[in-house]
Amino acid sequence: MSSIGRREVFQLIREVLDLSVYEAKVYLLLLAGGTLTVGELSRRGRIPKSKVYEALKSLALKGLVVRVNSSPLKYSTVPVRKGIYNRLFQLRMELARKERLADELIKVLEGFEFDEGAVAVNLEGESFKTSLTFDLMIAREEVLLAISELALNFSWPFSYISLNSSVNFKFLTPKVPPLVKYLIDNGLFERVEIKDCDYVRQPFLVIDEKITYLIIISDSGKVSSVIRVEDKDFSEQMAFTFRKIWEKCEEGDS
């Protein structure tokens, strides 16, 4: 029997299966305790029930946990070997998708020349939202936002955009986000144009043709990577790309 400790097992599970802290905790509790209810998982792991529910839903999607039809409702792990192979298959598919997207991103980035004053920053987590919100609030002329299908679930700071009444906004989107519709219907979004379009594969945003955000969305609709580029030439070319897609969508409408 392996002499590896519980802490090491926990870290190994997180690393190999790419799980969050709560997901790894719930998975270990089920491995140790067998079939358990949400309440039992919450008590044994001292985890809020809301976090247990979130972890179970995610673990089920990752092929590691199944729901047992009982009263009360219980959960158990998929057989270890099968569950791990399920998850590794998903990770390989996700990596292959990212590699395809990376090829597209490389072509885009290699097609532009950055001057010496260009600044490109990789943003993560809350730093992305903070940076984007600030840039949107100080925009002066125009904001161009191209949204893909997967990016619809992301919490875009539309309310901050609507406060900047002096700026023109254009959105390419396969579906009008509910918050945008609410803001328009209530007269809070005045200088805005929206074009229904499903040609966008990866979302991007251009602010005043000076700042560009390149946003990589995972299959689950979460932001996996964001690059903020502060460069006039690059942003002008991305704005040109946006307008070409806009024209293409208009041709499709006619």
Protein backbone atom coordinates (compact mmCIF):
# COMPACT_ATOMS: atom_id res chain seq x y z
CA MET A 1 0.00 0.00 0.00
CA SER A 2 1.23 3.47 -0.81
CA SER A 3 2.53 5.52 2.12
CA ILE A 4 1.45 8.81 0.56
CA GLY A 5 -0.39 11.05 3.03
CA ARG A 6 -3.88 12.52 2.76
CA ARG A 7 -2.55 16.00 2.07
CA GLU A 8 -0.38 14.70 -0.78
CA VAL A 9 -3.35 12.75 -2.19
CA PHE A 10 -5.45 15.92 -2.07
CA GLN A 11 -2.82 17.93 -3.96
CA LEU A 12 -2.32 15.12 -6.47
CA ILE A 13 -6.05 14.91 -7.17
CA ARG A 14 -6.21 18.66 -7.74
CA GLU A 15 -3.20 18.65 -10.04
CA VAL A 16 -3.99 15.56 -12.13
CA LEU A 17 -7.74 16.09 -12.45
CA ASP A 18 -7.63 19.91 -12.51
CA LEU A 19 -10.17 20.29 -9.68
CA SER A 20 -10.97 23.20 -7.41
CA VAL A 21 -10.43 22.97 -3.66
CA TYR A 22 -14.10 22.20 -2.96
CA GLU A 23 -14.32 19.71 -5.83
CA ALA A 24 -11.31 17.82 -4.54
CA LYS A 25 -12.68 17.84 -0.97
CA VAL A 26 -16.08 16.49 -2.02
CA TYR A 27 -14.50 13.87 -4.29
CA LEU A 28 -12.28 12.60 -1.43
CA LEU A 29 -15.23 12.55 0.98
CA LEU A 30 -17.22 10.38 -1.44
CA LEU A 31 -14.26 8.07 -2.02
CA ALA A 32 -13.91 7.62 1.75
CA GLY A 33 -17.58 7.55 2.73
CA GLY A 34 -19.26 5.86 -0.20
CA THR A 35 -22.76 7.07 -1.07
CA LEU A 36 -23.59 10.31 0.76
CA THR A 37 -26.21 13.06 0.82
CA VAL A 38 -25.45 16.75 0.42
CA GLY A 39 -26.05 17.22 4.15
CA GLU A 40 -23.64 14.45 5.06
CA LEU A 41 -20.97 15.85 2.76
CA SER A 42 -21.48 19.31 4.23
CA ARG A 43 -21.17 18.08 7.83
CA ARG A 44 -18.22 15.73 7.28
CA GLY A 45 -16.24 18.22 5.24
CA ARG A 46 -17.43 21.35 7.07
CA ILE A 47 -18.34 22.78 3.68
CA PRO A 48 -21.29 25.14 3.04
CA LYS A 49 -24.12 23.29 1.31
CA SER A 50 -24.09 25.78 -1.56
CA LYS A 51 -20.45 24.88 -2.25
CA VAL A 52 -21.25 21.17 -2.01
CA TYR A 53 -24.01 21.53 -4.62
CA GLU A 54 -21.67 23.47 -6.93
CA ALA A 55 -18.90 20.90 -6.51
CA LEU A 56 -21.22 17.95 -7.15
CA LYS A 57 -22.61 19.52 -10.30
CA SER A 58 -19.11 20.19 -11.60
CA LEU A 59 -17.81 16.74 -10.65
CA ALA A 60 -20.75 15.13 -12.46
CA LEU A 61 -19.97 17.12 -15.61
CA LYS A 62 -16.36 16.01 -15.31
CA GLY A 63 -17.39 12.35 -15.23
CA LEU A 64 -16.26 11.70 -11.66
CA VAL A 65 -19.51 11.57 -9.70
CA VAL A 66 -23.00 10.17 -10.29
CA ARG A 67 -26.34 10.81 -8.60
CA VAL A 68 -28.02 7.89 -6.90
CA ASN A 69 -31.81 7.81 -7.17
CA SER A 70 -32.84 7.55 -3.55
CA SER A 71 -34.71 9.50 -0.93
CA PRO A 72 -33.02 11.62 0.22
CA LEU A 73 -30.91 12.11 -2.91
CA LYS A 74 -27.39 10.71 -2.62
CA TYR A 75 -24.17 10.84 -4.63
CA SER A 76 -21.29 8.47 -5.21
CA THR A 77 -18.11 8.36 -7.24
CA VAL A 78 -17.75 6.69 -10.60
CA PRO A 79 -15.33 3.70 -10.27
CA VAL A 80 -11.93 5.33 -9.76
CA ARG A 81 -10.20 4.12 -12.92
CA LYS A 82 -13.18 4.93 -15.15
CA GLY A 83 -13.69 8.33 -13.53
CA ILE A 84 -10.06 9.35 -13.91
CA TYR A 85 -10.00 8.22 -17.55
CA ASN A 86 -13.21 10.19 -18.14
CA ARG A 87 -11.60 13.33 -16.75
CA LEU A 88 -8.29 12.86 -18.57
CA PHE A 89 -10.18 12.44 -21.85
CA GLN A 90 -11.98 15.75 -21.20
CA LEU A 91 -8.69 17.48 -20.40
CA ARG A 92 -7.12 16.17 -23.59
CA MET A 93 -10.07 17.43 -25.62
CA GLU A 94 -9.88 20.82 -23.92
CA LEU A 95 -6.14 21.02 -24.54
CA ALA A 96 -6.64 20.12 -28.21
CA ARG A 97 -9.25 22.88 -28.50
CA LYS A 98 -6.92 25.40 -26.88
CA GLU A 99 -4.16 24.37 -29.27
CA ARG A 100 -6.47 25.03 -32.22
CA LEU A 101 -7.42 28.41 -30.79
CA ALA A 102 -3.76 29.14 -30.07
CA ASP A 103 -2.99 28.60 -33.75
CA GLU A 104 -5.63 31.18 -34.64
CA LEU A 105 -4.33 33.59 -32.01
CA ILE A 106 -0.76 33.20 -33.27
CA LYS A 107 -1.88 34.03 -36.79
CA VAL A 108 -3.71 37.12 -35.54
CA LEU A 109 -0.83 38.35 -33.39
CA GLU A 110 1.85 37.59 -35.98
CA GLY A 111 -0.11 39.58 -38.53
CA PHE A 112 0.40 42.82 -36.61
CA GLU A 113 3.46 44.84 -35.83
CA PHE A 114 3.78 46.32 -32.36
CA ASP A 115 5.72 49.53 -31.94
CA GLU A 116 8.16 50.00 -29.08
CA GLY A 117 5.49 51.62 -26.94
CA ALA A 118 3.07 48.71 -27.19
CA VAL A 119 2.08 47.06 -23.92
CA ALA A 120 0.61 43.54 -23.83
CA VAL A 121 -0.48 42.13 -20.46
CA ASN A 122 -1.95 38.73 -19.60
CA LEU A 123 -4.76 39.30 -17.08
CA GLU A 124 -6.32 36.79 -14.71
CA GLY A 125 -9.36 36.63 -12.42
CA GLU A 126 -10.58 39.84 -10.88
CA SER A 127 -7.70 41.85 -12.38
CA PHE A 128 -9.34 41.32 -15.79
CA LYS A 129 -12.73 42.63 -14.69
CA THR A 130 -11.17 45.54 -12.80
CA SER A 131 -9.03 46.54 -15.78
CA LEU A 132 -11.88 46.18 -18.27
CA THR A 133 -14.34 48.12 -16.11
CA PHE A 134 -11.87 50.98 -15.70
CA ASP A 135 -11.08 51.12 -19.43
CA LEU A 136 -14.78 51.14 -20.32
CA MET A 137 -15.58 53.95 -17.89
CA ILE A 138 -12.87 56.23 -19.33
CA ALA A 139 -13.65 55.47 -22.99
CA ARG A 140 -14.16 58.63 -25.03
CA GLU A 141 -15.34 57.72 -28.53
CA GLU A 142 -16.23 54.16 -29.40
CA VAL A 143 -16.38 50.66 -27.93
CA LEU A 144 -16.56 47.64 -30.25
CA LEU A 145 -17.45 44.30 -28.66
CA ALA A 146 -17.61 41.01 -30.55
CA ILE A 147 -19.20 38.23 -28.47
CA SER A 148 -19.14 34.52 -29.28
CA GLU A 149 -21.80 32.00 -28.26
CA LEU A 150 -19.73 30.72 -25.33
CA ALA A 151 -19.03 34.24 -24.09
CA LEU A 152 -22.73 35.03 -23.53
CA ASN A 153 -22.57 33.59 -20.01
CA PHE A 154 -19.70 35.81 -18.97
CA SER A 155 -20.58 38.69 -16.64
CA TRP A 156 -19.73 41.61 -18.93
CA PRO A 157 -19.81 45.00 -17.11
CA PHE A 158 -22.60 46.39 -19.31
CA SER A 159 -23.98 48.56 -16.50
CA TYR A 160 -20.68 50.48 -16.40
CA ILE A 161 -20.73 50.84 -20.19
CA SER A 162 -24.23 52.33 -20.09
CA LEU A 163 -23.10 55.03 -17.63
CA ASN A 164 -20.71 56.40 -20.26
CA SER A 165 -23.35 58.18 -22.36
CA SER A 166 -20.87 60.05 -24.56
CA VAL A 167 -19.52 56.90 -26.22
CA ASN A 168 -20.86 54.97 -29.21
CA PHE A 169 -21.17 51.22 -28.67
CA LYS A 170 -21.40 48.46 -31.25
CA PHE A 171 -22.05 44.82 -30.35
CA LEU A 172 -21.67 41.74 -32.53
CA THR A 173 -23.51 38.98 -30.71
CA PRO A 174 -25.44 35.77 -31.54
CA LYS A 175 -28.00 36.80 -28.90
CA VAL A 176 -28.68 40.04 -27.06
CA PRO A 177 -27.59 39.58 -23.40
CA PRO A 178 -30.52 40.08 -20.96
CA LEU A 179 -28.79 42.95 -19.13
CA VAL A 180 -28.23 44.85 -22.39
CA LYS A 181 -31.89 44.40 -23.35
CA TYR A 182 -32.95 45.65 -19.91
CA LEU A 183 -30.71 48.71 -20.16
CA ILE A 184 -32.01 49.54 -23.65
CA ASP A 185 -35.66 49.00 -22.73
CA ASN A 186 -35.27 51.34 -19.76
CA GLY A 187 -33.52 54.08 -21.73
CA LEU A 188 -30.18 53.55 -19.98
CA PHE A 189 -28.34 52.50 -23.10
CA GLU A 190 -28.72 55.22 -25.74
CA ARG A 191 -25.90 55.26 -28.27
CA VAL A 192 -25.78 51.54 -29.00
CA GLU A 193 -26.00 49.42 -32.16
CA ILE A 194 -26.42 45.65 -32.04
CA LYS A 195 -25.93 43.23 -34.90
CA ASP A 196 -27.06 39.60 -34.63
CA CYS A 197 -24.05 37.60 -35.72
CA ASP A 198 -22.67 34.11 -35.13
CA TYR A 199 -19.41 34.53 -37.05
CA VAL A 200 -17.34 35.38 -33.97
CA ARG A 201 -15.32 32.41 -32.67
CA GLN A 202 -13.37 34.16 -29.92
CA PRO A 203 -14.59 37.40 -28.31
CA PHE A 204 -12.61 40.60 -28.47
CA LEU A 205 -13.16 44.20 -27.49
CA VAL A 206 -11.68 47.41 -28.89
CA ILE A 207 -11.79 50.70 -26.97
CA ASP A 208 -11.21 54.00 -28.82
CA GLU A 209 -8.96 52.09 -31.28
CA LYS A 210 -6.25 52.30 -28.62
CA ILE A 211 -6.85 49.31 -26.33
CA THR A 212 -7.79 45.76 -27.32
CA TYR A 213 -8.85 42.81 -25.16
CA LEU A 214 -8.38 39.33 -26.64
CA ILE A 215 -10.51 36.93 -24.60
CA ILE A 216 -10.21 33.13 -24.65
CA ILE A 217 -13.33 31.32 -23.42
CA SER A 218 -13.31 27.67 -22.32
CA ASP A 219 -15.96 25.14 -23.36
CA SER A 220 -17.74 25.74 -20.05
CA GLY A 221 -18.13 29.46 -20.84
CA LYS A 222 -15.47 30.61 -18.37
CA VAL A 223 -12.66 33.01 -19.21
CA SER A 224 -9.46 30.95 -19.45
CA SER A 225 -7.11 33.68 -20.68
CA VAL A 226 -7.20 37.41 -21.41
CA ILE A 227 -4.62 39.55 -23.16
CA ARG A 228 -4.88 43.33 -22.91
CA VAL A 229 -2.96 45.11 -25.68
CA GLU A 230 -2.43 48.86 -25.46
CA ASP A 231 -1.27 49.72 -28.97
CA LYS A 232 -2.89 52.07 -31.49
CA ASP A 233 -1.83 50.21 -34.66
CA PHE A 234 -2.93 46.83 -33.33
CA SER A 235 -6.26 48.23 -32.07
CA GLU A 236 -6.95 49.98 -35.38
CA GLN A 237 -6.45 46.69 -37.22
CA MET A 238 -8.72 44.84 -34.76
CA ALA A 239 -11.33 47.57 -35.26
CA PHE A 240 -11.00 47.02 -39.01
CA THR A 241 -11.58 43.28 -38.43
CA PHE A 242 -14.67 44.09 -36.35
CA ARG A 243 -16.11 46.27 -39.14
CA LYS A 244 -15.49 43.61 -41.77
CA ILE A 245 -17.42 41.08 -39.65
CA TRP A 246 -20.17 43.70 -39.17
CA GLU A 247 -20.44 44.14 -42.95
CA LYS A 248 -20.54 40.38 -43.44
CA CYS A 249 -23.41 40.10 -40.95
CA GLU A 250 -25.28 42.90 -42.74
CA GLU A 251 -24.90 41.04 -46.04
CA GLY A 252 -26.35 37.97 -44.37
CA ASP A 253 -29.38 39.99 -43.24
CA SER A 254 -30.12 41.28 -46.74
